[in-house]
Amino acid sequence: MRTTISLIEGDGIGVDVCAAAVHIICKALKKVGVNKPNFQKISAGAAYYLENGVDIEPGGDQKAGKADAIFLGAIGLPNIRHEDGTEISPHLRLRDLYELYAGVRPIKAYPNIISPLSHPKATEIDFVLIRESTEGLFYSAATHNRTSILPDQIFDETFRISRKTSERLHNFAFRLAASRKKQGKKGQLTCVDKANVFKSMAFFRKIFDEVATKYTEVEASYEYVDAAALKLVISPWQFDVMVTENMFGDILSDLGGALVGGMGMAACGELGDEIGLFQPAHGSAPDIIDTDKANPLAAILSAALMLDYLSEKFDSQPYKDAALMIERSIHSGFGSKRLRPIGFGHDMGTRAITRELSNIIDGHTA
């Protein structure tokens, strides 16, 4: 079996973390006896826009979707913007084009990572936030040109919630919660909304309730988004799976990342019914470009998500084994203090972490 991956390195540290992820993907697949994927590179991002006047290479949108999955490093540079002040964001267009409605953001504590939370239960943080990734307030993201504008006076942005997308999203979230319950986890699903204020959010919750009737084994509950933000700081270990609107998910997933080591540990998968896009949730970090300081583990954990996705897409146990190998190697690497990212106040940069993780996968001793 040989899969094809569309590889968009993008901007800044995206190039470095993509290289790290590709190396670890190939290493893990080799260990389970599977051919490495065919990586087809697609040029896109702010630097590409500055040079060419467009944000992705000709035909890049379509080329990306012809692969089995898409892997993205990072997009955007703060000093390169459209005339309206917004940043370059072709990845938002890819979400829309391929209906990547389920944004999967695992939030998990690893051994020996210092959390800003002093409570001893902070070591038990292990939940997944599911962010709807095509609608909500992002329906009017600049790249889609859906804003009603009275120049320099009024900007009306549309907050869209549709039955079709919400049903798919909630079914995905309930299936994930049910799967986690079989793995010995809580099997709880929390709908995060603002149904007390917005009709669209009340509709989102109504659909959640309808879908819940099919998954009686899953404990379903609700939180308003402001209360959820509070509880993510006070007691995040109480959550198992959370499902929410696009903008709410964008904000809460960063908050969650901060609880378990920062954006250098924030993995992300954007899943649709036909294809998935995987990327670290962090930005291009222009302040550390070419310094070898970037933590590649968010990208590598995203790569593990991609391998797990491909294992289900093609019913391939070796791909699932490779995904588990990466995840377990990272866990044991932190437990044995062999992984020590600079961002955590330690001594290992991008290349050192990639090299040491590769050694762990190989079964080498420190």
Protein backbone atom coordinates (compact mmCIF):
# COMPACT_ATOMS: atom_id res chain seq x y z
CA MET A 1 0.00 0.00 0.00
CA ARG A 2 1.29 3.46 -0.91
CA THR A 3 -0.69 6.58 -0.24
CA THR A 4 -0.33 10.05 -1.74
CA ILE A 5 -0.10 13.07 0.55
CA SER A 6 -0.43 16.67 -0.63
CA LEU A 7 2.31 18.52 1.24
CA ILE A 8 1.95 22.27 1.74
CA GLU A 9 4.94 23.50 3.74
CA GLY A 10 3.72 27.10 3.72
CA ASP A 11 5.52 29.83 5.61
CA GLY A 12 8.06 30.31 8.38
CA ILE A 13 8.60 27.31 10.61
CA GLY A 14 6.11 25.38 8.49
CA VAL A 15 9.00 24.23 6.32
CA ASP A 16 10.99 22.87 9.30
CA VAL A 17 8.11 21.15 11.09
CA CYS A 18 6.93 19.58 7.83
CA ALA A 19 10.39 18.10 7.33
CA ALA A 20 10.28 16.70 10.86
CA ALA A 21 6.81 15.23 10.37
CA VAL A 22 7.70 13.65 7.03
CA HIS A 23 10.81 12.06 8.56
CA ILE A 24 8.84 10.56 11.46
CA ILE A 25 5.99 9.38 9.19
CA CYS A 26 8.47 7.50 7.00
CA LYS A 27 10.31 6.10 10.03
CA ALA A 28 7.13 4.77 11.67
CA LEU A 29 5.76 3.28 8.46
CA LYS A 30 9.06 1.56 7.77
CA LYS A 31 8.94 0.03 11.25
CA VAL A 32 5.54 -1.53 10.51
CA GLY A 33 6.58 -2.68 7.04
CA VAL A 34 4.69 -0.19 4.91
CA ASN A 35 5.99 1.85 1.99
CA LYS A 36 6.49 5.55 2.65
CA PRO A 37 3.83 7.80 1.10
CA ASN A 38 4.26 9.72 -2.10
CA PHE A 39 4.49 13.37 -1.04
CA GLN A 40 3.39 15.85 -3.71
CA LYS A 41 4.45 19.37 -2.81
CA ILE A 42 2.13 22.31 -3.41
CA SER A 43 3.42 25.87 -3.08
CA ALA A 44 1.16 28.18 -1.09
CA GLY A 45 1.22 30.83 1.60
CA ALA A 46 2.13 34.43 2.30
CA ALA A 47 5.64 34.27 0.87
CA TYR A 48 4.26 32.69 -2.30
CA TYR A 49 1.63 35.43 -2.48
CA LEU A 50 4.25 38.15 -2.14
CA GLU A 51 6.21 36.71 -5.04
CA ASN A 52 3.36 35.63 -7.32
CA GLY A 53 0.29 37.69 -6.41
CA VAL A 54 -1.79 34.58 -5.62
CA ASP A 55 -1.89 32.49 -2.42
CA ILE A 56 -1.48 29.04 -3.99
CA GLU A 57 0.12 27.68 -7.14
CA PRO A 58 -2.08 27.41 -10.26
CA GLY A 59 -4.46 24.49 -9.84
CA GLY A 60 -3.22 23.95 -6.28
CA ASP A 61 -6.68 23.87 -4.72
CA GLN A 62 -7.74 21.03 -7.00
CA LYS A 63 -4.41 19.20 -6.86
CA ALA A 64 -4.54 19.11 -3.06
CA GLY A 65 -7.84 17.27 -3.05
CA LYS A 66 -6.71 14.55 -5.45
CA ALA A 67 -4.44 13.04 -2.79
CA ASP A 68 -5.45 10.69 0.02
CA ALA A 69 -4.82 13.41 2.62
CA ILE A 70 -3.37 16.91 2.90
CA PHE A 71 -0.59 17.90 5.29
CA LEU A 72 0.07 21.56 6.00
CA GLY A 73 2.92 23.20 7.90
CA ALA A 74 1.85 26.78 8.63
CA ILE A 75 0.35 29.62 6.61
CA GLY A 76 0.70 33.36 7.01
CA LEU A 77 3.23 36.07 7.79
CA PRO A 78 1.99 39.11 9.76
CA ASN A 79 3.75 41.64 7.54
CA ILE A 80 2.21 40.24 4.34
CA ARG A 81 -1.47 41.05 4.06
CA HIS A 82 -4.27 41.74 1.62
CA GLU A 83 -5.27 45.35 1.08
CA ASP A 84 -8.19 44.90 3.51
CA GLY A 85 -5.74 44.05 6.32
CA THR A 86 -6.45 40.31 6.51
CA GLU A 87 -3.70 37.72 6.31
CA ILE A 88 -3.13 35.20 3.54
CA SER A 89 -5.22 32.08 4.25
CA PRO A 90 -5.69 29.58 1.39
CA HIS A 91 -6.15 26.81 3.96
CA LEU A 92 -9.52 28.32 4.96
CA ARG A 93 -10.58 28.02 1.34
CA LEU A 94 -9.51 24.36 1.30
CA ARG A 95 -11.70 23.70 4.36
CA ASP A 96 -14.64 25.22 2.53
CA LEU A 97 -13.92 23.58 -0.84
CA TYR A 98 -13.63 20.06 0.59
CA GLU A 99 -16.24 20.49 3.35
CA LEU A 100 -13.78 19.71 6.14
CA TYR A 101 -16.41 20.17 8.80
CA ALA A 102 -14.83 18.31 11.75
CA GLY A 103 -11.82 20.05 13.24
CA VAL A 104 -10.26 17.57 15.68
CA ARG A 105 -8.07 19.13 18.39
CA PRO A 106 -6.72 16.63 20.95
CA ILE A 107 -5.72 18.22 24.27
CA LYS A 108 -3.60 15.81 26.30
CA ALA A 109 -1.10 16.21 29.12
CA TYR A 110 2.25 14.45 28.73
CA PRO A 111 4.66 13.49 31.53
CA ASN A 112 7.07 16.14 32.80
CA ILE A 113 5.40 19.00 30.92
CA ILE A 114 4.80 21.93 33.25
CA SER A 115 1.19 23.07 33.14
CA PRO A 116 0.13 26.58 34.22
CA LEU A 117 -2.38 24.78 36.45
CA SER A 118 -1.09 23.88 39.90
CA HIS A 119 -3.80 21.30 40.64
CA PRO A 120 -2.36 17.74 40.68
CA LYS A 121 -5.21 16.55 38.43
CA ALA A 122 -3.76 18.67 35.62
CA THR A 123 -1.69 15.61 34.74
CA GLU A 124 -4.97 13.84 33.85
CA ILE A 125 -6.03 16.28 31.11
CA ASP A 126 -7.10 14.22 28.10
CA PHE A 127 -9.95 15.54 25.99
CA VAL A 128 -10.73 16.23 22.35
CA LEU A 129 -12.31 19.43 21.12
CA ILE A 130 -14.30 19.09 17.89
CA ARG A 131 -14.52 22.42 16.11
CA GLU A 132 -16.89 22.80 13.18
CA SER A 133 -14.54 24.18 10.53
CA THR A 134 -16.61 25.48 7.61
CA GLU A 135 -19.47 27.55 9.03
CA GLY A 136 -20.16 29.58 12.16
CA LEU A 137 -18.57 33.00 12.12
CA PHE A 138 -15.79 31.78 9.81
CA TYR A 139 -18.42 31.46 7.07
CA SER A 140 -17.64 35.14 6.43
CA ALA A 141 -13.85 34.77 6.59
CA ALA A 142 -12.19 37.22 4.22
CA THR A 143 -11.08 34.56 1.75
CA HIS A 144 -14.73 33.68 1.03
CA ASN A 145 -15.85 37.25 0.16
CA ARG A 146 -19.20 36.87 1.95
CA THR A 147 -19.17 40.10 3.96
CA SER A 148 -21.74 42.83 3.38
CA ILE A 149 -19.84 46.12 3.49
CA LEU A 150 -20.68 49.79 3.63
CA PRO A 151 -17.12 51.04 3.06
CA ASP A 152 -15.46 52.41 6.17
CA GLN A 153 -18.81 52.40 8.01
CA ILE A 154 -20.39 48.96 8.52
CA PHE A 155 -19.23 45.37 8.08
CA ASP A 156 -21.93 42.69 8.44
CA GLU A 157 -20.52 39.18 8.89
CA THR A 158 -22.77 36.11 8.64
CA PHE A 159 -22.83 33.53 11.44
CA ARG A 160 -24.07 30.41 9.65
CA ILE A 161 -25.36 27.17 11.21
CA SER A 162 -26.88 24.62 8.82
CA ARG A 163 -28.67 21.36 9.54
CA LYS A 164 -26.60 19.38 7.02
CA THR A 165 -23.24 20.36 8.49
CA SER A 166 -24.36 20.25 12.13
CA GLU A 167 -25.82 16.76 11.76
CA ARG A 168 -22.56 15.48 10.27
CA LEU A 169 -20.57 17.23 12.97
CA HIS A 170 -22.60 15.93 15.90
CA ASN A 171 -22.65 12.38 14.51
CA PHE A 172 -18.87 12.54 14.19
CA ALA A 173 -18.53 13.81 17.77
CA PHE A 174 -20.85 11.16 19.22
CA ARG A 175 -19.04 8.40 17.34
CA LEU A 176 -15.73 9.66 18.72
CA ALA A 177 -17.09 9.77 22.28
CA ALA A 178 -18.47 6.24 21.89
CA SER A 179 -15.11 5.05 20.57
CA ARG A 180 -13.25 6.65 23.49
CA LYS A 181 -15.64 4.94 25.93
CA LYS A 182 -14.67 1.57 24.42
CA GLN A 183 -11.04 2.53 25.06
CA GLY A 184 -11.79 2.96 28.75
CA LYS A 185 -12.24 6.73 28.72
CA LYS A 186 -15.27 8.65 29.93
CA GLY A 187 -17.37 8.54 26.79
CA GLN A 188 -18.91 11.93 27.48
CA LEU A 189 -19.82 14.59 24.93
CA THR A 190 -20.38 18.25 25.79
CA CYS A 191 -22.10 20.61 23.37
CA VAL A 192 -20.55 24.08 23.76
CA ASP A 193 -22.75 26.87 22.46
CA LYS A 194 -24.42 30.19 23.24
CA ALA A 195 -27.98 28.93 22.87
CA ASN A 196 -29.28 31.38 25.44
CA VAL A 197 -28.55 34.34 23.14
CA PHE A 198 -28.38 33.24 19.48
CA LYS A 199 -31.13 31.47 17.55
CA SER A 200 -28.47 29.80 15.43
CA MET A 201 -26.90 28.31 18.53
CA ALA A 202 -30.26 27.14 19.86
CA PHE A 203 -30.67 25.38 16.50
CA PHE A 204 -27.17 23.87 16.88
CA ARG A 205 -28.20 22.49 20.29
CA LYS A 206 -31.54 21.22 18.95
CA ILE A 207 -29.73 19.16 16.32
CA PHE A 208 -27.32 17.92 19.01
CA ASP A 209 -30.31 16.63 21.01
CA GLU A 210 -31.78 14.92 17.95
CA VAL A 211 -28.53 13.13 17.17
CA ALA A 212 -28.02 12.19 20.82
CA THR A 213 -31.01 9.82 20.69
CA LYS A 214 -28.95 7.47 18.47
CA TYR A 215 -26.07 7.25 20.95
CA THR A 216 -27.60 6.31 24.28
CA GLU A 217 -24.28 4.91 25.50
CA VAL A 218 -22.74 8.40 25.43
CA GLU A 219 -23.40 10.82 28.29
CA ALA A 220 -24.45 14.10 26.64
CA SER A 221 -24.38 17.54 28.28
CA TYR A 222 -24.17 21.27 27.47
CA GLU A 223 -22.07 24.26 28.43
CA TYR A 224 -22.34 27.87 27.35
CA VAL A 225 -19.06 28.87 25.80
CA ASP A 226 -18.17 31.40 28.50
CA ALA A 227 -18.79 28.82 31.23
CA ALA A 228 -16.78 26.26 29.25
CA ALA A 229 -13.84 28.68 29.10
CA LEU A 230 -14.04 29.09 32.88
CA LYS A 231 -14.12 25.34 33.49
CA LEU A 232 -11.23 24.74 31.11
CA VAL A 233 -9.12 26.77 33.51
CA ILE A 234 -10.63 25.52 36.78
CA SER A 235 -11.11 21.81 35.99
CA PRO A 236 -10.33 20.81 32.38
CA TRP A 237 -9.92 17.16 33.38
CA GLN A 238 -13.70 16.88 33.66
CA PHE A 239 -14.11 17.00 29.86
CA ASP A 240 -13.83 14.10 27.43
CA VAL A 241 -15.13 15.29 24.04
CA MET A 242 -16.42 18.80 23.33
CA VAL A 243 -18.21 19.88 20.15
CA THR A 244 -18.68 23.50 19.19
CA GLU A 245 -18.99 26.19 16.54
CA ASN A 246 -16.05 27.38 14.45
CA MET A 247 -15.02 30.59 16.22
CA PHE A 248 -15.68 29.21 19.69
CA GLY A 249 -13.57 26.18 18.81
CA ASP A 250 -10.77 28.36 17.45
CA ILE A 251 -10.51 30.18 20.77
CA LEU A 252 -11.08 27.25 23.13
CA SER A 253 -8.60 24.97 21.35
CA ASP A 254 -5.81 27.52 21.88
CA LEU A 255 -6.81 27.79 25.53
CA GLY A 256 -6.66 24.00 25.76
CA GLY A 257 -3.24 23.93 24.11
CA ALA A 258 -1.93 26.36 26.71
CA LEU A 259 -2.93 23.92 29.46
CA VAL A 260 -0.70 21.12 28.14
CA GLY A 261 2.48 22.83 27.01
CA GLY A 262 1.45 25.48 24.50
CA MET A 263 0.92 25.55 20.76
CA GLY A 264 4.03 23.48 20.16
CA MET A 265 1.93 20.50 21.30
CA ALA A 266 -1.31 21.47 19.52
CA ALA A 267 -2.19 18.92 16.85
CA CYS A 268 -5.09 19.33 14.45
CA GLY A 269 -7.02 17.37 11.86
CA GLU A 270 -9.71 18.89 9.63
CA LEU A 271 -11.90 16.02 8.42
CA GLY A 272 -14.55 15.77 5.74
CA ASP A 273 -16.36 12.82 4.23
CA GLU A 274 -13.86 12.46 1.37
CA ILE A 275 -10.52 13.84 2.56
CA GLY A 276 -8.75 15.23 5.61
CA LEU A 277 -6.28 18.07 6.12
CA PHE A 278 -3.78 17.81 8.96
CA GLN A 279 -1.65 20.55 10.44
CA PRO A 280 -0.14 21.83 13.67
CA ALA A 281 -2.50 24.40 15.13
CA HIS A 282 0.29 26.94 15.63
CA GLY A 283 1.25 29.71 13.23
CA SER A 284 4.36 30.35 11.19
CA ALA A 285 6.27 31.89 14.16
CA PRO A 286 8.31 34.41 12.13
CA ASP A 287 10.30 35.36 15.24
CA ILE A 288 12.04 31.97 15.27
CA ILE A 289 12.42 31.26 11.54
CA ASP A 290 15.79 29.63 10.78
CA THR A 291 16.74 29.36 14.47
CA ASP A 292 16.09 25.61 14.97
CA LYS A 293 13.94 26.49 18.00
CA ALA A 294 10.52 25.37 16.78
CA ASN A 295 8.89 22.47 18.60
CA PRO A 296 7.99 19.98 15.84
CA LEU A 297 5.79 17.81 18.06
CA ALA A 298 2.52 19.54 17.14
CA ALA A 299 3.24 18.70 13.49
CA ILE A 300 4.34 15.17 14.37
CA LEU A 301 1.24 14.56 16.48
CA SER A 302 -0.83 15.88 13.55
CA ALA A 303 0.99 13.37 11.36
CA ALA A 304 -0.06 10.62 13.78
CA LEU A 305 -3.66 11.82 13.45
CA MET A 306 -3.25 11.61 9.67
CA LEU A 307 -1.93 8.05 9.81
CA ASP A 308 -4.85 7.06 12.04
CA TYR A 309 -7.25 8.69 9.56
CA LEU A 310 -5.63 6.80 6.66
CA SER A 311 -5.85 3.56 8.62
CA GLU A 312 -9.63 3.95 8.77
CA LYS A 313 -9.92 5.22 5.21
CA PHE A 314 -8.12 2.16 3.83
CA ASP A 315 -8.85 -0.31 6.65
CA SER A 316 -5.11 -0.62 7.27
CA GLN A 317 -3.93 -1.94 10.62
CA PRO A 318 -0.26 -1.11 9.88
CA TYR A 319 -1.16 2.57 9.48
CA LYS A 320 -2.97 2.49 12.83
CA ASP A 321 0.04 0.76 14.39
CA ALA A 322 2.33 3.48 13.01
CA ALA A 323 0.09 6.20 14.46
CA LEU A 324 0.10 4.52 17.88
CA MET A 325 3.87 4.07 17.69
CA ILE A 326 4.39 7.81 17.23
CA GLU A 327 1.99 8.75 20.01
CA ARG A 328 3.47 6.24 22.46
CA SER A 329 7.03 7.21 21.56
CA ILE A 330 6.27 10.85 22.34
CA HIS A 331 4.67 9.85 25.64
CA SER A 332 7.63 7.70 26.65
CA GLY A 333 10.07 10.34 25.42
CA PHE A 334 8.62 12.91 27.80
CA GLY A 335 8.38 10.34 30.58
CA SER A 336 12.08 9.49 30.29
CA LYS A 337 13.03 13.16 29.73
CA ARG A 338 14.56 12.32 26.38
CA LEU A 339 12.35 14.93 24.71
CA ARG A 340 13.16 18.40 26.05
CA PRO A 341 11.83 21.20 23.81
CA ILE A 342 13.41 24.64 23.99
CA GLY A 343 9.93 26.10 24.32
CA PHE A 344 9.62 24.36 27.69
CA GLY A 345 12.85 25.89 28.92
CA HIS A 346 15.01 22.94 27.92
CA ASP A 347 17.80 22.35 25.43
CA MET A 348 16.40 20.62 22.31
CA GLY A 349 15.46 22.34 19.08
CA THR A 350 13.64 21.10 16.00
CA ARG A 351 16.36 18.84 14.64
CA ALA A 352 17.36 17.42 18.03
CA ILE A 353 13.78 16.50 18.95
CA THR A 354 13.19 14.91 15.57
CA ARG A 355 16.42 12.93 15.82
CA GLU A 356 15.74 11.74 19.38
CA LEU A 357 12.14 10.77 18.61
CA SER A 358 13.42 8.82 15.62
CA ASN A 359 15.81 7.00 17.96
CA ILE A 360 12.97 6.22 20.37
CA ILE A 361 10.91 4.77 17.55
CA ASP A 362 13.91 2.70 16.50
CA GLY A 363 14.14 1.34 20.04
CA HIS A 364 17.49 2.92 20.78
CA THR A 365 18.45 3.67 24.36
CA ALA A 366 19.48 7.13 25.53
